[in-house]
């Protein structure tokens, strides 16, 4: 079984919060496709990274998780690309790990 995690930005490049409908749509799409989703949206996670100029950048993100029997890489790559366009991001992190439900 695979645990797939999506890290969706809370704010755009100008600090304006994305519309709630963006997150509702993602939750609905993931629920329809995978039968459920866990969305961590009450307290955004804070990401930090260093850009090529050495400046530390910060991003608040909501974490969405789904479980799937298999990993459909083509679907996930297309979905990630669509989210990147919708959220005006260079990259949205989507990662998958093997997991075991106990």
PDB file of N, CA and C in Angstrom:
ATOM      1  N   UNK A   1       0.844  -1.167   0.000  1.00  0.00           N
ATOM      2  CA  UNK A   1       0.000   0.000   0.000  1.00  0.00           C
ATOM      3  C   UNK A   1       0.896   1.240   0.000  1.00  0.00           C
ATOM      4  N   UNK A   2       0.412   2.298  -0.632  1.00  0.00           N
ATOM      5  CA  UNK A   2       1.156   3.558  -0.734  1.00  0.00           C
ATOM      6  C   UNK A   2       0.452   4.668   0.044  1.00  0.00           C
ATOM      7  N   UNK A   3       1.233   5.462   0.736  1.00  0.00           N
ATOM      8  CA  UNK A   3       0.755   6.692   1.351  1.00  0.00           C
ATOM      9  C   UNK A   3       1.261   7.827   0.474  1.00  0.00           C
ATOM     10  N   UNK A   4       0.329   8.593  -0.101  1.00  0.00           N
ATOM     11  CA  UNK A   4       0.699   9.707  -0.970  1.00  0.00           C
ATOM     12  C   UNK A   4       0.357  10.997  -0.241  1.00  0.00           C
ATOM     13  N   UNK A   5       1.326  11.903  -0.181  1.00  0.00           N
ATOM     14  CA  UNK A   5       1.162  13.171   0.522  1.00  0.00           C
ATOM     15  C   UNK A   5       1.348  14.331  -0.447  1.00  0.00           C
ATOM     16  N   UNK A   6       0.453  15.307  -0.351  1.00  0.00           N
ATOM     17  CA  UNK A   6       0.519  16.531  -1.148  1.00  0.00           C
ATOM     18  C   UNK A   6       0.690  17.703  -0.194  1.00  0.00           C
ATOM     19  N   UNK A   7       1.581  18.597  -0.535  1.00  0.00           N
ATOM     20  CA  UNK A   7       1.833  19.785   0.267  1.00  0.00           C
ATOM     21  C   UNK A   7       1.334  20.997  -0.525  1.00  0.00           C
ATOM     22  N   UNK A   8       0.176  21.510  -0.140  1.00  0.00           N
ATOM     23  CA  UNK A   8      -0.453  22.604  -0.883  1.00  0.00           C
ATOM     24  C   UNK A   8      -0.199  23.933  -0.174  1.00  0.00           C
ATOM     25  N   UNK A   9       0.259  24.944  -0.917  1.00  0.00           N
ATOM     26  CA  UNK A   9       0.570  26.232  -0.300  1.00  0.00           C
ATOM     27  C   UNK A   9      -0.695  26.944   0.173  1.00  0.00           C
ATOM     28  N   UNK A  10      -0.580  27.583   1.310  1.00  0.00           N
ATOM     29  CA  UNK A  10      -1.708  28.321   1.880  1.00  0.00           C
ATOM     30  C   UNK A  10      -1.819  29.702   1.241  1.00  0.00           C
ATOM     31  N   UNK A  11      -0.664  30.312   0.917  1.00  0.00           N
ATOM     32  CA  UNK A  11      -0.627  31.688   0.407  1.00  0.00           C
ATOM     33  C   UNK A  11       0.086  31.749  -0.947  1.00  0.00           C
ATOM     34  N   UNK A  12      -0.279  32.746  -1.734  1.00  0.00           N
ATOM     35  CA  UNK A  12       0.413  32.961  -3.004  1.00  0.00           C
ATOM     36  C   UNK A  12       1.713  33.723  -2.752  1.00  0.00           C
ATOM     37  N   UNK A  13       2.415  34.073  -3.826  1.00  0.00           N
ATOM     38  CA  UNK A  13       3.716  34.743  -3.706  1.00  0.00           C
ATOM     39  C   UNK A  13       3.619  36.139  -3.078  1.00  0.00           C
ATOM     40  N   UNK A  14       2.399  36.687  -3.035  1.00  0.00           N
ATOM     41  CA  UNK A  14       2.199  38.022  -2.473  1.00  0.00           C
ATOM     42  C   UNK A  14       1.621  37.970  -1.052  1.00  0.00           C
ATOM     43  N   UNK A  15       1.513  36.769  -0.500  1.00  0.00           N
ATOM     44  CA  UNK A  15       1.017  36.625   0.856  1.00  0.00           C
ATOM     45  C   UNK A  15      -0.492  36.566   0.985  1.00  0.00           C
ATOM     46  N   UNK A  16      -1.194  36.512  -0.142  1.00  0.00           N
ATOM     47  CA  UNK A  16      -2.657  36.439  -0.123  1.00  0.00           C
ATOM     48  C   UNK A  16      -3.084  34.967  -0.036  1.00  0.00           C
ATOM     49  N   UNK A  17      -4.014  34.681   0.855  1.00  0.00           N
ATOM     50  CA  UNK A  17      -4.490  33.304   1.023  1.00  0.00           C
ATOM     51  C   UNK A  17      -5.225  32.840  -0.231  1.00  0.00           C
ATOM     52  N   UNK A  18      -4.959  31.601  -0.616  1.00  0.00           N
ATOM     53  CA  UNK A  18      -5.698  31.011  -1.724  1.00  0.00           C
ATOM     54  C   UNK A  18      -7.146  30.799  -1.310  1.00  0.00           C
ATOM     55  N   UNK A  19      -8.033  30.822  -2.270  1.00  0.00           N
ATOM     56  CA  UNK A  19      -9.462  30.639  -2.002  1.00  0.00           C
ATOM     57  C   UNK A  19      -9.723  29.257  -1.392  1.00  0.00           C
ATOM     58  N   UNK A  20     -10.642  29.205  -0.449  1.00  0.00           N
ATOM     59  CA  UNK A  20     -11.039  27.953   0.190  1.00  0.00           C
ATOM     60  C   UNK A  20     -11.484  26.929  -0.850  1.00  0.00           C
ATOM     61  N   UNK A  21     -12.072  27.410  -1.933  1.00  0.00           N
ATOM     62  CA  UNK A  21     -12.572  26.501  -2.981  1.00  0.00           C
ATOM     63  C   UNK A  21     -11.441  25.664  -3.593  1.00  0.00           C
ATOM     64  N   UNK A  22     -10.211  26.186  -3.633  1.00  0.00           N
ATOM     65  CA  UNK A  22      -9.074  25.411  -4.156  1.00  0.00           C
ATOM     66  C   UNK A  22      -8.873  24.148  -3.322  1.00  0.00           C
ATOM     67  N   UNK A  23      -8.931  24.321  -2.016  1.00  0.00           N
ATOM     68  CA  UNK A  23      -8.689  23.203  -1.107  1.00  0.00           C
ATOM     69  C   UNK A  23      -9.887  22.251  -1.062  1.00  0.00           C
ATOM     70  N   UNK A  24     -11.088  22.826  -1.137  1.00  0.00           N
ATOM     71  CA  UNK A  24     -12.296  21.993  -1.191  1.00  0.00           C
ATOM     72  C   UNK A  24     -12.297  21.124  -2.450  1.00  0.00           C
ATOM     73  N   UNK A  25     -11.878  21.707  -3.560  1.00  0.00           N
ATOM     74  CA  UNK A  25     -11.826  20.972  -4.820  1.00  0.00           C
ATOM     75  C   UNK A  25     -10.830  19.820  -4.736  1.00  0.00           C
ATOM     76  N   UNK A  26      -9.647  20.085  -4.188  1.00  0.00           N
ATOM     77  CA  UNK A  26      -8.638  19.027  -4.047  1.00  0.00           C
ATOM     78  C   UNK A  26      -9.167  17.911  -3.155  1.00  0.00           C
ATOM     79  N   UNK A  27      -9.794  18.290  -2.048  1.00  0.00           N
ATOM     80  CA  UNK A  27     -10.345  17.281  -1.137  1.00  0.00           C
ATOM     81  C   UNK A  27     -11.405  16.439  -1.835  1.00  0.00           C
ATOM     82  N   UNK A  28     -12.271  17.068  -2.591  1.00  0.00           N
ATOM     83  CA  UNK A  28     -13.328  16.359  -3.306  1.00  0.00           C
ATOM     84  C   UNK A  28     -12.749  15.429  -4.374  1.00  0.00           C
ATOM     85  N   UNK A  29     -11.796  15.929  -5.147  1.00  0.00           N
ATOM     86  CA  UNK A  29     -11.187  15.110  -6.205  1.00  0.00           C
ATOM     87  C   UNK A  29     -10.479  13.887  -5.625  1.00  0.00           C
ATOM     88  N   UNK A  30      -9.743  14.082  -4.553  1.00  0.00           N
ATOM     89  CA  UNK A  30      -9.007  12.970  -3.952  1.00  0.00           C
ATOM     90  C   UNK A  30      -9.959  11.966  -3.304  1.00  0.00           C
ATOM     91  N   UNK A  31     -11.017  12.455  -2.692  1.00  0.00           N
ATOM     92  CA  UNK A  31     -12.010  11.554  -2.106  1.00  0.00           C
ATOM     93  C   UNK A  31     -12.686  10.729  -3.190  1.00  0.00           C
ATOM     94  N   UNK A  32     -13.059  11.382  -4.286  1.00  0.00           N
ATOM     95  CA  UNK A  32     -13.708  10.660  -5.394  1.00  0.00           C
ATOM     96  C   UNK A  32     -12.796   9.589  -5.966  1.00  0.00           C
ATOM     97  N   UNK A  33     -11.525   9.900  -6.129  1.00  0.00           N
ATOM     98  CA  UNK A  33     -10.607   8.953  -6.766  1.00  0.00           C
ATOM     99  C   UNK A  33     -10.136   7.860  -5.819  1.00  0.00           C
ATOM    100  N   UNK A  34      -9.900   8.189  -4.549  1.00  0.00           N
ATOM    101  CA  UNK A  34      -9.271   7.238  -3.629  1.00  0.00           C
ATOM    102  C   UNK A  34     -10.182   6.776  -2.496  1.00  0.00           C
ATOM    103  N   UNK A  35     -11.398   7.293  -2.468  1.00  0.00           N
ATOM    104  CA  UNK A  35     -12.343   6.854  -1.448  1.00  0.00           C
ATOM    105  C   UNK A  35     -12.162   7.544  -0.119  1.00  0.00           C
ATOM    106  N   UNK A  36     -11.260   8.484  -0.031  1.00  0.00           N
ATOM    107  CA  UNK A  36     -11.053   9.232   1.198  1.00  0.00           C
ATOM    108  C   UNK A  36      -9.776  10.034   1.143  1.00  0.00           C
ATOM    109  N   UNK A  37      -9.682  11.003   2.016  1.00  0.00           N
ATOM    110  CA  UNK A  37      -8.498  11.858   2.114  1.00  0.00           C
ATOM    111  C   UNK A  37      -8.419  12.370   3.546  1.00  0.00           C
ATOM    112  N   UNK A  38      -7.224  12.548   4.038  1.00  0.00           N
ATOM    113  CA  UNK A  38      -7.009  13.227   5.310  1.00  0.00           C
ATOM    114  C   UNK A  38      -6.352  14.556   4.992  1.00  0.00           C
ATOM    115  N   UNK A  39      -6.980  15.632   5.442  1.00  0.00           N
ATOM    116  CA  UNK A  39      -6.464  16.972   5.177  1.00  0.00           C
ATOM    117  C   UNK A  39      -6.107  17.640   6.502  1.00  0.00           C
ATOM    118  N   UNK A  40      -4.861  18.022   6.631  1.00  0.00           N
ATOM    119  CA  UNK A  40      -4.383  18.727   7.818  1.00  0.00           C
ATOM    120  C   UNK A  40      -4.406  20.216   7.503  1.00  0.00           C
ATOM    121  N   UNK A  41      -5.511  20.877   7.866  1.00  0.00           N
ATOM    122  CA  UNK A  41      -5.698  22.277   7.474  1.00  0.00           C
ATOM    123  C   UNK A  41      -5.922  23.218   8.657  1.00  0.00           C
ATOM    124  N   UNK A  42      -5.994  22.709   9.855  1.00  0.00           N
ATOM    125  CA  UNK A  42      -6.248  23.588  11.008  1.00  0.00           C
ATOM    126  C   UNK A  42      -5.000  24.351  11.431  1.00  0.00           C
ATOM    127  N   UNK A  43      -3.860  23.751  11.255  1.00  0.00           N
ATOM    128  CA  UNK A  43      -2.603  24.385  11.643  1.00  0.00           C
ATOM    129  C   UNK A  43      -1.585  24.108  10.552  1.00  0.00           C
ATOM    130  N   UNK A  44      -1.368  25.072   9.661  1.00  0.00           N
ATOM    131  CA  UNK A  44      -0.446  24.815   8.544  1.00  0.00           C
ATOM    132  C   UNK A  44       0.948  24.427   9.024  1.00  0.00           C
ATOM    133  N   UNK A  45       1.559  23.545   8.267  1.00  0.00           N
ATOM    134  CA  UNK A  45       2.967  23.222   8.487  1.00  0.00           C
ATOM    135  C   UNK A  45       3.804  24.355   7.894  1.00  0.00           C
ATOM    136  N   UNK A  46       4.967  24.564   8.448  1.00  0.00           N
ATOM    137  CA  UNK A  46       5.847  25.620   7.958  1.00  0.00           C
ATOM    138  C   UNK A  46       7.065  24.971   7.319  1.00  0.00           C
ATOM    139  N   UNK A  47       7.253  25.249   6.045  1.00  0.00           N
ATOM    140  CA  UNK A  47       8.421  24.758   5.327  1.00  0.00           C
ATOM    141  C   UNK A  47       9.431  25.876   5.167  1.00  0.00           C
ATOM    142  N   UNK A  48      10.692  25.522   5.172  1.00  0.00           N
ATOM    143  CA  UNK A  48      11.747  26.506   4.939  1.00  0.00           C
ATOM    144  C   UNK A  48      12.802  25.880   4.051  1.00  0.00           C
ATOM    145  N   UNK A  49      13.340  26.658   3.145  1.00  0.00           N
ATOM    146  CA  UNK A  49      14.401  26.188   2.261  1.00  0.00           C
ATOM    147  C   UNK A  49      15.259  27.367   1.849  1.00  0.00           C
ATOM    148  N   UNK A  50      16.441  27.054   1.361  1.00  0.00           N
ATOM    149  CA  UNK A  50      17.375  28.082   0.934  1.00  0.00           C
ATOM    150  C   UNK A  50      17.347  28.165  -0.584  1.00  0.00           C
ATOM    151  N   UNK A  51      17.136  29.369  -1.094  1.00  0.00           N
ATOM    152  CA  UNK A  51      17.124  29.544  -2.551  1.00  0.00           C
ATOM    153  C   UNK A  51      18.566  29.611  -3.073  1.00  0.00           C
ATOM    154  N   UNK A  52      18.748  29.642  -4.395  1.00  0.00           N
ATOM    155  CA  UNK A  52      20.111  29.644  -4.954  1.00  0.00           C
ATOM    156  C   UNK A  52      20.978  30.831  -4.504  1.00  0.00           C
ATOM    157  N   UNK A  53      20.337  31.928  -4.086  1.00  0.00           N
ATOM    158  CA  UNK A  53      21.093  33.094  -3.606  1.00  0.00           C
ATOM    159  C   UNK A  53      21.427  33.000  -2.127  1.00  0.00           C
ATOM    160  N   UNK A  54      21.017  31.910  -1.472  1.00  0.00           N
ATOM    161  CA  UNK A  54      21.298  31.723  -0.063  1.00  0.00           C
ATOM    162  C   UNK A  54      20.239  32.289   0.869  1.00  0.00           C
ATOM    163  N   UNK A  55      19.204  32.889   0.298  1.00  0.00           N
ATOM    164  CA  UNK A  55      18.130  33.448   1.111  1.00  0.00           C
ATOM    165  C   UNK A  55      17.199  32.331   1.591  1.00  0.00           C
ATOM    166  N   UNK A  56      16.825  32.377   2.865  1.00  0.00           N
ATOM    167  CA  UNK A  56      15.905  31.381   3.409  1.00  0.00           C
ATOM    168  C   UNK A  56      14.477  31.800   3.076  1.00  0.00           C
ATOM    169  N   UNK A  57      13.758  30.897   2.436  1.00  0.00           N
ATOM    170  CA  UNK A  57      12.368  31.130   2.056  1.00  0.00           C
ATOM    171  C   UNK A  57      11.468  30.310   2.974  1.00  0.00           C
ATOM    172  N   UNK A  58      10.257  30.787   3.153  1.00  0.00           N
ATOM    173  CA  UNK A  58       9.314  30.130   4.043  1.00  0.00           C
ATOM    174  C   UNK A  58       8.002  29.944   3.317  1.00  0.00           C
ATOM    175  N   UNK A  59       7.322  28.847   3.637  1.00  0.00           N
ATOM    176  CA  UNK A  59       6.034  28.562   3.017  1.00  0.00           C
ATOM    177  C   UNK A  59       5.149  27.858   4.027  1.00  0.00           C
ATOM    178  N   UNK A  60       3.907  28.318   4.162  1.00  0.00           N
ATOM    179  CA  UNK A  60       2.919  27.614   4.964  1.00  0.00           C
ATOM    180  C   UNK A  60       2.164  26.677   4.033  1.00  0.00           C
ATOM    181  N   UNK A  61       2.008  25.430   4.458  1.00  0.00           N
ATOM    182  CA  UNK A  61       1.363  24.434   3.600  1.00  0.00           C
ATOM    183  C   UNK A  61       0.324  23.641   4.380  1.00  0.00           C
ATOM    184  N   UNK A  62      -0.702  23.200   3.647  1.00  0.00           N
ATOM    185  CA  UNK A  62      -1.650  22.216   4.153  1.00  0.00           C
ATOM    186  C   UNK A  62      -1.218  20.866   3.603  1.00  0.00           C
ATOM    187  N   UNK A  63      -1.332  19.857   4.425  1.00  0.00           N
ATOM    188  CA  UNK A  63      -0.934  18.506   4.038  1.00  0.00           C
ATOM    189  C   UNK A  63      -2.177  17.679   3.770  1.00  0.00           C
ATOM    190  N   UNK A  64      -2.223  17.068   2.591  1.00  0.00           N
ATOM    191  CA  UNK A  64      -3.302  16.149   2.219  1.00  0.00           C
ATOM    192  C   UNK A  64      -2.683  14.775   2.034  1.00  0.00           C
ATOM    193  N   UNK A  65      -3.345  13.737   2.566  1.00  0.00           N
ATOM    194  CA  UNK A  65      -2.843  12.369   2.458  1.00  0.00           C
ATOM    195  C   UNK A  65      -3.938  11.443   1.941  1.00  0.00           C
ATOM    196  N   UNK A  66      -3.530  10.517   1.081  1.00  0.00           N
ATOM    197  CA  UNK A  66      -4.422   9.451   0.629  1.00  0.00           C
ATOM    198  C   UNK A  66      -3.665   8.128   0.675  1.00  0.00           C
ATOM    199  N   UNK A  67      -4.421   7.055   0.792  1.00  0.00           N
ATOM    200  CA  UNK A  67      -3.877   5.702   0.706  1.00  0.00           C
ATOM    201  C   UNK A  67      -4.336   5.086  -0.602  1.00  0.00           C
ATOM    202  N   UNK A  68      -3.429   4.372  -1.261  1.00  0.00           N
ATOM    203  CA  UNK A  68      -3.755   3.710  -2.529  1.00  0.00           C
ATOM    204  C   UNK A  68      -3.074   2.349  -2.564  1.00  0.00           C
ATOM    205  N   UNK A  69      -3.734   1.397  -3.205  1.00  0.00           N
ATOM    206  CA  UNK A  69      -3.143   0.064  -3.349  1.00  0.00           C
ATOM    207  C   UNK A  69      -1.916   0.101  -4.242  1.00  0.00           C
ATOM    208  N   UNK A  70      -1.979   0.916  -5.292  1.00  0.00           N
ATOM    209  CA  UNK A  70      -0.860   1.045  -6.232  1.00  0.00           C
ATOM    210  C   UNK A  70      -0.615   2.527  -6.508  1.00  0.00           C
ATOM    211  N   UNK A  71       0.525   2.811  -7.098  1.00  0.00           N
ATOM    212  CA  UNK A  71       0.891   4.188  -7.419  1.00  0.00           C
ATOM    213  C   UNK A  71       0.797   4.394  -8.929  1.00  0.00           C
ATOM    214  N   UNK A  72      -0.156   5.199  -9.342  1.00  0.00           N
ATOM    215  CA  UNK A  72      -0.333   5.537 -10.753  1.00  0.00           C
ATOM    216  C   UNK A  72       0.470   6.809 -11.027  1.00  0.00           C
ATOM    217  N   UNK A  73       1.736   6.625 -11.381  1.00  0.00           N
ATOM    218  CA  UNK A  73       2.649   7.772 -11.558  1.00  0.00           C
ATOM    219  C   UNK A  73       2.163   8.766 -12.610  1.00  0.00           C
ATOM    220  N   UNK A  74       1.620   8.266 -13.713  1.00  0.00           N
ATOM    221  CA  UNK A  74       1.147   9.169 -14.763  1.00  0.00           C
ATOM    222  C   UNK A  74       0.023  10.074 -14.250  1.00  0.00           C
ATOM    223  N   UNK A  75      -0.931   9.494 -13.510  1.00  0.00           N
ATOM    224  CA  UNK A  75      -2.031  10.284 -12.978  1.00  0.00           C
ATOM    225  C   UNK A  75      -1.496  11.326 -12.004  1.00  0.00           C
ATOM    226  N   UNK A  76      -0.590  10.926 -11.107  1.00  0.00           N
ATOM    227  CA  UNK A  76      -0.065  11.849 -10.109  1.00  0.00           C
ATOM    228  C   UNK A  76       0.752  12.966 -10.752  1.00  0.00           C
ATOM    229  N   UNK A  77       1.525  12.651 -11.774  1.00  0.00           N
ATOM    230  CA  UNK A  77       2.307  13.694 -12.438  1.00  0.00           C
ATOM    231  C   UNK A  77       1.390  14.708 -13.115  1.00  0.00           C
ATOM    232  N   UNK A  78       0.327  14.229 -13.748  1.00  0.00           N
ATOM    233  CA  UNK A  78      -0.628  15.135 -14.394  1.00  0.00           C
ATOM    234  C   UNK A  78      -1.384  15.954 -13.346  1.00  0.00           C
ATOM    235  N   UNK A  79      -1.777  15.323 -12.252  1.00  0.00           N
ATOM    236  CA  UNK A  79      -2.504  16.027 -11.193  1.00  0.00           C
ATOM    237  C   UNK A  79      -1.608  17.088 -10.548  1.00  0.00           C
ATOM    238  N   UNK A  80      -0.360  16.723 -10.276  1.00  0.00           N
ATOM    239  CA  UNK A  80       0.572  17.695  -9.703  1.00  0.00           C
ATOM    240  C   UNK A  80       0.758  18.884 -10.642  1.00  0.00           C
ATOM    241  N   UNK A  81       0.915  18.628 -11.925  1.00  0.00           N
ATOM    242  CA  UNK A  81       1.097  19.711 -12.899  1.00  0.00           C
ATOM    243  C   UNK A  81      -0.125  20.636 -12.908  1.00  0.00           C
ATOM    244  N   UNK A  82      -1.315  20.066 -12.813  1.00  0.00           N
ATOM    245  CA  UNK A  82      -2.529  20.884 -12.781  1.00  0.00           C
ATOM    246  C   UNK A  82      -2.576  21.740 -11.515  1.00  0.00           C
ATOM    247  N   UNK A  83      -2.210  21.149 -10.367  1.00  0.00           N
ATOM    248  CA  UNK A  83      -2.183  21.911  -9.122  1.00  0.00           C
ATOM    249  C   UNK A  83      -1.137  23.022  -9.177  1.00  0.00           C
ATOM    250  N   UNK A  84       0.013  22.756  -9.791  1.00  0.00           N
ATOM    251  CA  UNK A  84       1.051  23.779  -9.921  1.00  0.00           C
ATOM    252  C   UNK A  84       0.533  24.970 -10.721  1.00  0.00           C
ATOM    253  N   UNK A  85      -0.227  24.702 -11.772  1.00  0.00           N
ATOM    254  CA  UNK A  85      -0.820  25.797 -12.556  1.00  0.00           C
ATOM    255  C   UNK A  85      -1.873  26.533 -11.727  1.00  0.00           C
ATOM    256  N   UNK A  86      -2.756  25.779 -11.067  1.00  0.00           N
ATOM    257  CA  UNK A  86      -3.831  26.378 -10.294  1.00  0.00           C
ATOM    258  C   UNK A  86      -3.292  27.255  -9.163  1.00  0.00           C
ATOM    259  N   UNK A  87      -2.264  26.781  -8.473  1.00  0.00           N
ATOM    260  CA  UNK A  87      -1.699  27.511  -7.345  1.00  0.00           C
ATOM    261  C   UNK A  87      -0.526  28.421  -7.746  1.00  0.00           C
ATOM    262  N   UNK A  88      -0.240  28.511  -9.046  1.00  0.00           N
ATOM    263  CA  UNK A  88       0.855  29.350  -9.558  1.00  0.00           C
ATOM    264  C   UNK A  88       2.176  29.049  -8.847  1.00  0.00           C
ATOM    265  N   UNK A  89       2.535  27.767  -8.807  1.00  0.00           N
ATOM    266  CA  UNK A  89       3.750  27.319  -8.139  1.00  0.00           C
ATOM    267  C   UNK A  89       4.699  26.693  -9.147  1.00  0.00           C
ATOM    268  N   UNK A  90       6.000  26.871  -8.921  1.00  0.00           N
ATOM    269  CA  UNK A  90       6.986  26.180  -9.748  1.00  0.00           C
ATOM    270  C   UNK A  90       6.920  24.685  -9.476  1.00  0.00           C
ATOM    271  N   UNK A  91       6.795  24.325  -8.207  1.00  0.00           N
ATOM    272  CA  UNK A  91       6.743  22.913  -7.807  1.00  0.00           C
ATOM    273  C   UNK A  91       5.809  22.764  -6.616  1.00  0.00           C
ATOM    274  N   UNK A  92       4.947  21.778  -6.680  1.00  0.00           N
ATOM    275  CA  UNK A  92       4.175  21.341  -5.517  1.00  0.00           C
ATOM    276  C   UNK A  92       4.705  19.962  -5.168  1.00  0.00           C
ATOM    277  N   UNK A  93       5.077  19.807  -3.917  1.00  0.00           N
ATOM    278  CA  UNK A  93       5.635  18.535  -3.474  1.00  0.00           C
ATOM    279  C   UNK A  93       4.534  17.491  -3.336  1.00  0.00           C
ATOM    280  N   UNK A  94       4.724  16.383  -4.029  1.00  0.00           N
ATOM    281  CA  UNK A  94       3.881  15.195  -3.883  1.00  0.00           C
ATOM    282  C   UNK A  94       4.855  14.043  -3.669  1.00  0.00           C
ATOM    283  N   UNK A  95       4.659  13.311  -2.591  1.00  0.00           N
ATOM    284  CA  UNK A  95       5.568  12.194  -2.329  1.00  0.00           C
ATOM    285  C   UNK A  95       4.769  10.953  -1.955  1.00  0.00           C
ATOM    286  N   UNK A  96       5.368   9.805  -2.238  1.00  0.00           N
ATOM    287  CA  UNK A  96       4.728   8.523  -1.935  1.00  0.00           C
ATOM    288  C   UNK A  96       5.707   7.647  -1.185  1.00  0.00           C
ATOM    289  N   UNK A  97       5.169   6.950  -0.203  1.00  0.00           N
ATOM    290  CA  UNK A  97       5.974   6.006   0.567  1.00  0.00           C
ATOM    291  C   UNK A  97       5.195   4.718   0.737  1.00  0.00           C
ATOM    292  N   UNK A  98       5.931   3.622   0.868  1.00  0.00           N
ATOM    293  CA  UNK A  98       5.292   2.359   1.202  1.00  0.00           C
ATOM    294  C   UNK A  98       4.793   2.455   2.630  1.00  0.00           C
ATOM    295  N   UNK A  99       3.623   1.878   2.869  1.00  0.00           N
ATOM    296  CA  UNK A  99       3.076   1.892   4.218  1.00  0.00           C
ATOM    297  C   UNK A  99       2.308   0.609   4.475  1.00  0.00           C
ATOM    298  N   UNK A 100       2.153   0.312   5.732  1.00  0.00           N
ATOM    299  CA  UNK A 100       1.414  -0.877   6.136  1.00  0.00           C
ATOM    300  C   UNK A 100       0.338  -0.448   7.120  1.00  0.00           C
ATOM    301  N   UNK A 101      -0.896  -0.781   6.809  1.00  0.00           N
ATOM    302  CA  UNK A 101      -1.993  -0.467   7.708  1.00  0.00           C
ATOM    303  C   UNK A 101      -2.068  -1.575   8.738  1.00  0.00           C
ATOM    304  N   UNK A 102      -2.045  -1.213  10.009  1.00  0.00           N
ATOM    305  CA  UNK A 102      -2.044  -2.196  11.094  1.00  0.00           C
ATOM    306  C   UNK A 102      -3.453  -2.443  11.608  1.00  0.00           C
TER     307      UNK A 102
END
